[in-house]
Amino acid sequence: MSSWITLDCNGAPHCRHENGFAAYGGKFYLFGGRRIQPVDIFDPDTNTWTHGTPPPSKSTIFSR
């Protein structure tokens, strides 16, 4: 694929920056940022965003 596409999704992730992203078990996880907020979980099979539990503390500035 040589270009970006926009998917029509159910739900939406929380707005955030300085966050982390991981793929595990066929789903994508968006976490961290400047505030404590729920983990956002994307299921590419259903194009659906859901929200997990907020972490116990703030996590920011992730790097490889």
PDB file of N, CA and C in Angstrom:
ATOM      1  N   MET A   1       0.864  -1.166   0.000  1.00  0.00           N
ATOM      2  CA  MET A   1       0.000   0.000   0.000  1.00  0.00           C
ATOM      3  C   MET A   1       0.909   1.228   0.000  1.00  0.00           C
ATOM      4  N   SER A   2       0.622   2.169  -0.854  1.00  0.00           N
ATOM      5  CA  SER A   2       1.477   3.346  -0.956  1.00  0.00           C
ATOM      6  C   SER A   2       0.804   4.634  -0.497  1.00  0.00           C
ATOM      7  N   SER A   3      -0.367   4.518   0.099  1.00  0.00           N
ATOM      8  CA  SER A   3      -1.029   5.730   0.584  1.00  0.00           C
ATOM      9  C   SER A   3      -1.836   5.416   1.840  1.00  0.00           C
ATOM     10  N   TRP A   4      -2.145   6.473   2.581  1.00  0.00           N
ATOM     11  CA  TRP A   4      -2.948   6.347   3.797  1.00  0.00           C
ATOM     12  C   TRP A   4      -4.416   6.267   3.405  1.00  0.00           C
ATOM     13  N   ILE A   5      -5.204   5.555   4.211  1.00  0.00           N
ATOM     14  CA  ILE A   5      -6.653   5.535   4.034  1.00  0.00           C
ATOM     15  C   ILE A   5      -7.300   5.869   5.373  1.00  0.00           C
ATOM     16  N   THR A   6      -8.485   6.409   5.332  1.00  0.00           N
ATOM     17  CA  THR A   6      -9.253   6.712   6.535  1.00  0.00           C
ATOM     18  C   THR A   6     -10.343   5.664   6.687  1.00  0.00           C
ATOM     19  N   LEU A   7     -10.424   5.051   7.867  1.00  0.00           N
ATOM     20  CA  LEU A   7     -11.435   4.036   8.138  1.00  0.00           C
ATOM     21  C   LEU A   7     -12.643   4.654   8.815  1.00  0.00           C
ATOM     22  N   ASP A   8     -13.812   4.160   8.478  1.00  0.00           N
ATOM     23  CA  ASP A   8     -15.014   4.508   9.234  1.00  0.00           C
ATOM     24  C   ASP A   8     -15.044   3.590  10.441  1.00  0.00           C
ATOM     25  N   CYS A   9     -14.977   4.181  11.641  1.00  0.00           N
ATOM     26  CA  CYS A   9     -14.876   3.392  12.866  1.00  0.00           C
ATOM     27  C   CYS A   9     -16.048   3.655  13.793  1.00  0.00           C
ATOM     28  N   ASN A  10     -16.320   2.679  14.627  1.00  0.00           N
ATOM     29  CA  ASN A  10     -17.268   2.848  15.716  1.00  0.00           C
ATOM     30  C   ASN A  10     -16.477   3.300  16.928  1.00  0.00           C
ATOM     31  N   GLY A  11     -16.937   4.354  17.587  1.00  0.00           N
ATOM     32  CA  GLY A  11     -16.229   4.884  18.738  1.00  0.00           C
ATOM     33  C   GLY A  11     -15.043   5.713  18.300  1.00  0.00           C
ATOM     34  N   ALA A  12     -14.294   6.214  19.273  1.00  0.00           N
ATOM     35  CA  ALA A  12     -13.124   7.047  19.000  1.00  0.00           C
ATOM     36  C   ALA A  12     -12.165   6.972  20.181  1.00  0.00           C
ATOM     37  N   PRO A  13     -10.872   7.118  19.923  1.00  0.00           N
ATOM     38  CA  PRO A  13      -9.912   7.152  21.027  1.00  0.00           C
ATOM     39  C   PRO A  13      -9.945   8.506  21.714  1.00  0.00           C
ATOM     40  N   HIS A  14      -9.400   8.564  22.926  1.00  0.00           N
ATOM     41  CA  HIS A  14      -9.252   9.838  23.623  1.00  0.00           C
ATOM     42  C   HIS A  14      -8.152  10.665  22.945  1.00  0.00           C
ATOM     43  N   CYS A  15      -8.326  11.966  22.911  1.00  0.00           N
ATOM     44  CA  CYS A  15      -7.271  12.840  22.393  1.00  0.00           C
ATOM     45  C   CYS A  15      -6.109  12.810  23.373  1.00  0.00           C
ATOM     46  N   ARG A  16      -4.883  12.679  22.872  1.00  0.00           N
ATOM     47  CA  ARG A  16      -3.726  12.599  23.741  1.00  0.00           C
ATOM     48  C   ARG A  16      -2.465  12.871  22.928  1.00  0.00           C
ATOM     49  N   HIS A  17      -1.386  13.147  23.611  1.00  0.00           N
ATOM     50  CA  HIS A  17      -0.076  13.266  22.985  1.00  0.00           C
ATOM     51  C   HIS A  17       0.968  12.755  23.970  1.00  0.00           C
ATOM     52  N   GLU A  18       2.191  12.547  23.479  1.00  0.00           N
ATOM     53  CA  GLU A  18       3.259  11.936  24.287  1.00  0.00           C
ATOM     54  C   GLU A  18       2.792  10.596  24.847  1.00  0.00           C
ATOM     55  N   ASN A  19       2.214   9.787  23.974  1.00  0.00           N
ATOM     56  CA  ASN A  19       1.611   8.529  24.374  1.00  0.00           C
ATOM     57  C   ASN A  19       2.372   7.337  23.796  1.00  0.00           C
ATOM     58  N   GLY A  20       1.950   6.164  24.175  1.00  0.00           N
ATOM     59  CA  GLY A  20       2.508   4.926  23.659  1.00  0.00           C
ATOM     60  C   GLY A  20       1.475   4.182  22.847  1.00  0.00           C
ATOM     61  N   PHE A  21       1.950   3.238  22.026  1.00  0.00           N
ATOM     62  CA  PHE A  21       1.086   2.446  21.168  1.00  0.00           C
ATOM     63  C   PHE A  21       1.680   1.048  21.091  1.00  0.00           C
ATOM     64  N   ALA A  22       0.828   0.025  21.197  1.00  0.00           N
ATOM     65  CA  ALA A  22       1.300  -1.357  21.109  1.00  0.00           C
ATOM     66  C   ALA A  22       0.270  -2.204  20.382  1.00  0.00           C
ATOM     67  N   ALA A  23       0.750  -3.223  19.706  1.00  0.00           N
ATOM     68  CA  ALA A  23      -0.113  -4.221  19.077  1.00  0.00           C
ATOM     69  C   ALA A  23       0.073  -5.534  19.837  1.00  0.00           C
ATOM     70  N   TYR A  24      -1.039  -6.161  20.183  1.00  0.00           N
ATOM     71  CA  TYR A  24      -0.978  -7.424  20.910  1.00  0.00           C
ATOM     72  C   TYR A  24      -2.270  -8.190  20.674  1.00  0.00           C
ATOM     73  N   GLY A  25      -2.159  -9.466  20.365  1.00  0.00           N
ATOM     74  CA  GLY A  25      -3.346 -10.312  20.227  1.00  0.00           C
ATOM     75  C   GLY A  25      -4.311  -9.848  19.159  1.00  0.00           C
ATOM     76  N   GLY A  26      -3.811  -9.226  18.106  1.00  0.00           N
ATOM     77  CA  GLY A  26      -4.675  -8.780  17.016  1.00  0.00           C
ATOM     78  C   GLY A  26      -5.389  -7.463  17.271  1.00  0.00           C
ATOM     79  N   LYS A  27      -5.068  -6.787  18.373  1.00  0.00           N
ATOM     80  CA  LYS A  27      -5.670  -5.488  18.677  1.00  0.00           C
ATOM     81  C   LYS A  27      -4.573  -4.456  18.881  1.00  0.00           C
ATOM     82  N   PHE A  28      -4.939  -3.189  18.800  1.00  0.00           N
ATOM     83  CA  PHE A  28      -4.004  -2.085  18.986  1.00  0.00           C
ATOM     84  C   PHE A  28      -4.359  -1.332  20.257  1.00  0.00           C
ATOM     85  N   TYR A  29      -3.350  -0.991  21.045  1.00  0.00           N
ATOM     86  CA  TYR A  29      -3.551  -0.336  22.335  1.00  0.00           C
ATOM     87  C   TYR A  29      -2.862   1.022  22.335  1.00  0.00           C
ATOM     88  N   LEU A  30      -3.621   2.055  22.670  1.00  0.00           N
ATOM     89  CA  LEU A  30      -3.133   3.424  22.767  1.00  0.00           C
ATOM     90  C   LEU A  30      -3.211   3.811  24.239  1.00  0.00           C
ATOM     91  N   PHE A  31      -2.076   4.228  24.821  1.00  0.00           N
ATOM     92  CA  PHE A  31      -2.057   4.470  26.265  1.00  0.00           C
ATOM     93  C   PHE A  31      -1.121   5.616  26.606  1.00  0.00           C
ATOM     94  N   GLY A  32      -1.266   6.104  27.811  1.00  0.00           N
ATOM     95  CA  GLY A  32      -0.412   7.184  28.285  1.00  0.00           C
ATOM     96  C   GLY A  32      -0.878   8.544  27.787  1.00  0.00           C
ATOM     97  N   GLY A  33       0.000   9.522  27.917  1.00  0.00           N
ATOM     98  CA  GLY A  33      -0.325  10.898  27.579  1.00  0.00           C
ATOM     99  C   GLY A  33      -0.136  11.785  28.793  1.00  0.00           C
ATOM    100  N   ARG A  34      -0.516  13.003  28.670  1.00  0.00           N
ATOM    101  CA  ARG A  34      -0.287  13.957  29.759  1.00  0.00           C
ATOM    102  C   ARG A  34      -1.283  13.848  30.904  1.00  0.00           C
ATOM    103  N   ARG A  35      -2.377  13.146  30.691  1.00  0.00           N
ATOM    104  CA  ARG A  35      -3.384  12.981  31.744  1.00  0.00           C
ATOM    105  C   ARG A  35      -3.584  11.494  32.010  1.00  0.00           C
ATOM    106  N   ILE A  36      -4.176  11.177  33.134  1.00  0.00           N
ATOM    107  CA  ILE A  36      -4.576   9.793  33.385  1.00  0.00           C
ATOM    108  C   ILE A  36      -5.916   9.598  32.688  1.00  0.00           C
ATOM    109  N   GLN A  37      -5.935   8.700  31.718  1.00  0.00           N
ATOM    110  CA  GLN A  37      -7.159   8.407  30.991  1.00  0.00           C
ATOM    111  C   GLN A  37      -7.155   6.936  30.589  1.00  0.00           C
ATOM    112  N   PRO A  38      -8.323   6.400  30.252  1.00  0.00           N
ATOM    113  CA  PRO A  38      -8.403   4.977  29.934  1.00  0.00           C
ATOM    114  C   PRO A  38      -7.508   4.585  28.761  1.00  0.00           C
ATOM    115  N   VAL A  39      -7.100   3.324  28.752  1.00  0.00           N
ATOM    116  CA  VAL A  39      -6.418   2.757  27.596  1.00  0.00           C
ATOM    117  C   VAL A  39      -7.451   2.653  26.477  1.00  0.00           C
ATOM    118  N   ASP A  40      -7.093   3.083  25.265  1.00  0.00           N
ATOM    119  CA  ASP A  40      -7.980   2.954  24.111  1.00  0.00           C
ATOM    120  C   ASP A  40      -7.571   1.711  23.337  1.00  0.00           C
ATOM    121  N   ILE A  41      -8.546   0.885  22.969  1.00  0.00           N
ATOM    122  CA  ILE A  41      -8.288  -0.401  22.316  1.00  0.00           C
ATOM    123  C   ILE A  41      -9.007  -0.416  20.980  1.00  0.00           C
ATOM    124  N   PHE A  42      -8.247  -0.667  19.905  1.00  0.00           N
ATOM    125  CA  PHE A  42      -8.846  -0.736  18.573  1.00  0.00           C
ATOM    126  C   PHE A  42      -8.832  -2.173  18.080  1.00  0.00           C
ATOM    127  N   ASP A  43      -9.996  -2.644  17.633  1.00  0.00           N
ATOM    128  CA  ASP A  43     -10.134  -3.979  17.063  1.00  0.00           C
ATOM    129  C   ASP A  43     -10.278  -3.826  15.550  1.00  0.00           C
ATOM    130  N   PRO A  44      -9.239  -4.166  14.770  1.00  0.00           N
ATOM    131  CA  PRO A  44      -9.314  -3.979  13.324  1.00  0.00           C
ATOM    132  C   PRO A  44     -10.310  -4.912  12.628  1.00  0.00           C
ATOM    133  N   ASP A  45     -10.706  -6.002  13.285  1.00  0.00           N
ATOM    134  CA  ASP A  45     -11.702  -6.899  12.692  1.00  0.00           C
ATOM    135  C   ASP A  45     -13.081  -6.265  12.641  1.00  0.00           C
ATOM    136  N   THR A  46     -13.372  -5.411  13.639  1.00  0.00           N
ATOM    137  CA  THR A  46     -14.693  -4.768  13.704  1.00  0.00           C
ATOM    138  C   THR A  46     -14.629  -3.260  13.500  1.00  0.00           C
ATOM    139  N   ASN A  47     -13.397  -2.709  13.332  1.00  0.00           N
ATOM    140  CA  ASN A  47     -13.189  -1.252  13.218  1.00  0.00           C
ATOM    141  C   ASN A  47     -13.836  -0.513  14.385  1.00  0.00           C
ATOM    142  N   THR A  48     -13.608  -1.032  15.584  1.00  0.00           N
ATOM    143  CA  THR A  48     -14.244  -0.484  16.781  1.00  0.00           C
ATOM    144  C   THR A  48     -13.206  -0.090  17.827  1.00  0.00           C
ATOM    145  N   TRP A  49     -13.365   1.127  18.379  1.00  0.00           N
ATOM    146  CA  TRP A  49     -12.585   1.592  19.521  1.00  0.00           C
ATOM    147  C   TRP A  49     -13.384   1.321  20.787  1.00  0.00           C
ATOM    148  N   THR A  50     -12.734   0.740  21.791  1.00  0.00           N
ATOM    149  CA  THR A  50     -13.330   0.608  23.120  1.00  0.00           C
ATOM    150  C   THR A  50     -12.346   1.184  24.125  1.00  0.00           C
ATOM    151  N   HIS A  51     -12.783   1.326  25.365  1.00  0.00           N
ATOM    152  CA  HIS A  51     -11.945   1.928  26.398  1.00  0.00           C
ATOM    153  C   HIS A  51     -11.714   0.930  27.515  1.00  0.00           C
ATOM    154  N   GLY A  52     -10.447   0.783  27.909  1.00  0.00           N
ATOM    155  CA  GLY A  52     -10.082  -0.071  29.025  1.00  0.00           C
ATOM    156  C   GLY A  52     -10.020   0.742  30.305  1.00  0.00           C
ATOM    157  N   THR A  53      -9.368   0.198  31.286  1.00  0.00           N
ATOM    158  CA  THR A  53      -9.238   0.818  32.599  1.00  0.00           C
ATOM    159  C   THR A  53      -8.123   1.869  32.593  1.00  0.00           C
ATOM    160  N   PRO A  54      -8.325   2.998  33.262  1.00  0.00           N
ATOM    161  CA  PRO A  54      -7.225   3.966  33.390  1.00  0.00           C
ATOM    162  C   PRO A  54      -6.082   3.358  34.210  1.00  0.00           C
ATOM    163  N   PRO A  55      -4.848   3.716  33.904  1.00  0.00           N
ATOM    164  CA  PRO A  55      -3.718   3.218  34.691  1.00  0.00           C
ATOM    165  C   PRO A  55      -3.693   3.882  36.067  1.00  0.00           C
ATOM    166  N   PRO A  56      -2.937   3.316  37.011  1.00  0.00           N
ATOM    167  CA  PRO A  56      -2.900   3.889  38.357  1.00  0.00           C
ATOM    168  C   PRO A  56      -2.114   5.197  38.439  1.00  0.00           C
ATOM    169  N   SER A  57      -1.285   5.492  37.425  1.00  0.00           N
ATOM    170  CA  SER A  57      -0.527   6.740  37.441  1.00  0.00           C
ATOM    171  C   SER A  57      -0.324   7.239  36.014  1.00  0.00           C
ATOM    172  N   LYS A  58       0.066   8.504  35.899  1.00  0.00           N
ATOM    173  CA  LYS A  58       0.280   9.117  34.594  1.00  0.00           C
ATOM    174  C   LYS A  58       1.554   8.562  33.961  1.00  0.00           C
ATOM    175  N   SER A  59       1.497   8.297  32.651  1.00  0.00           N
ATOM    176  CA  SER A  59       2.661   7.826  31.897  1.00  0.00           C
ATOM    177  C   SER A  59       2.805   8.707  30.654  1.00  0.00           C
ATOM    178  N   THR A  60       3.950   9.350  30.496  1.00  0.00           N
ATOM    179  CA  THR A  60       4.155  10.224  29.358  1.00  0.00           C
ATOM    180  C   THR A  60       5.518   9.987  28.717  1.00  0.00           C
ATOM    181  N   ILE A  61       5.693  10.567  27.554  1.00  0.00           N
ATOM    182  CA  ILE A  61       6.946  10.586  26.801  1.00  0.00           C
ATOM    183  C   ILE A  61       7.509   9.163  26.628  1.00  0.00           C
ATOM    184  N   PHE A  62       6.826   8.382  25.833  1.00  0.00           N
ATOM    185  CA  PHE A  62       7.287   7.034  25.525  1.00  0.00           C
ATOM    186  C   PHE A  62       8.328   7.095  24.416  1.00  0.00           C
ATOM    187  N   SER A  63       9.281   6.185  24.451  1.00  0.00           N
ATOM    188  CA  SER A  63      10.272   6.079  23.378  1.00  0.00           C
ATOM    189  C   SER A  63      10.498   4.607  23.072  1.00  0.00           C
ATOM    190  N   ARG A  64      11.174   4.365  21.970  1.00  0.00           N
ATOM    191  CA  ARG A  64      11.398   2.972  21.541  1.00  0.00           C
ATOM    192  C   ARG A  64      12.281   2.223  22.479  1.00  0.00           C
TER     193      ARG A  64
END
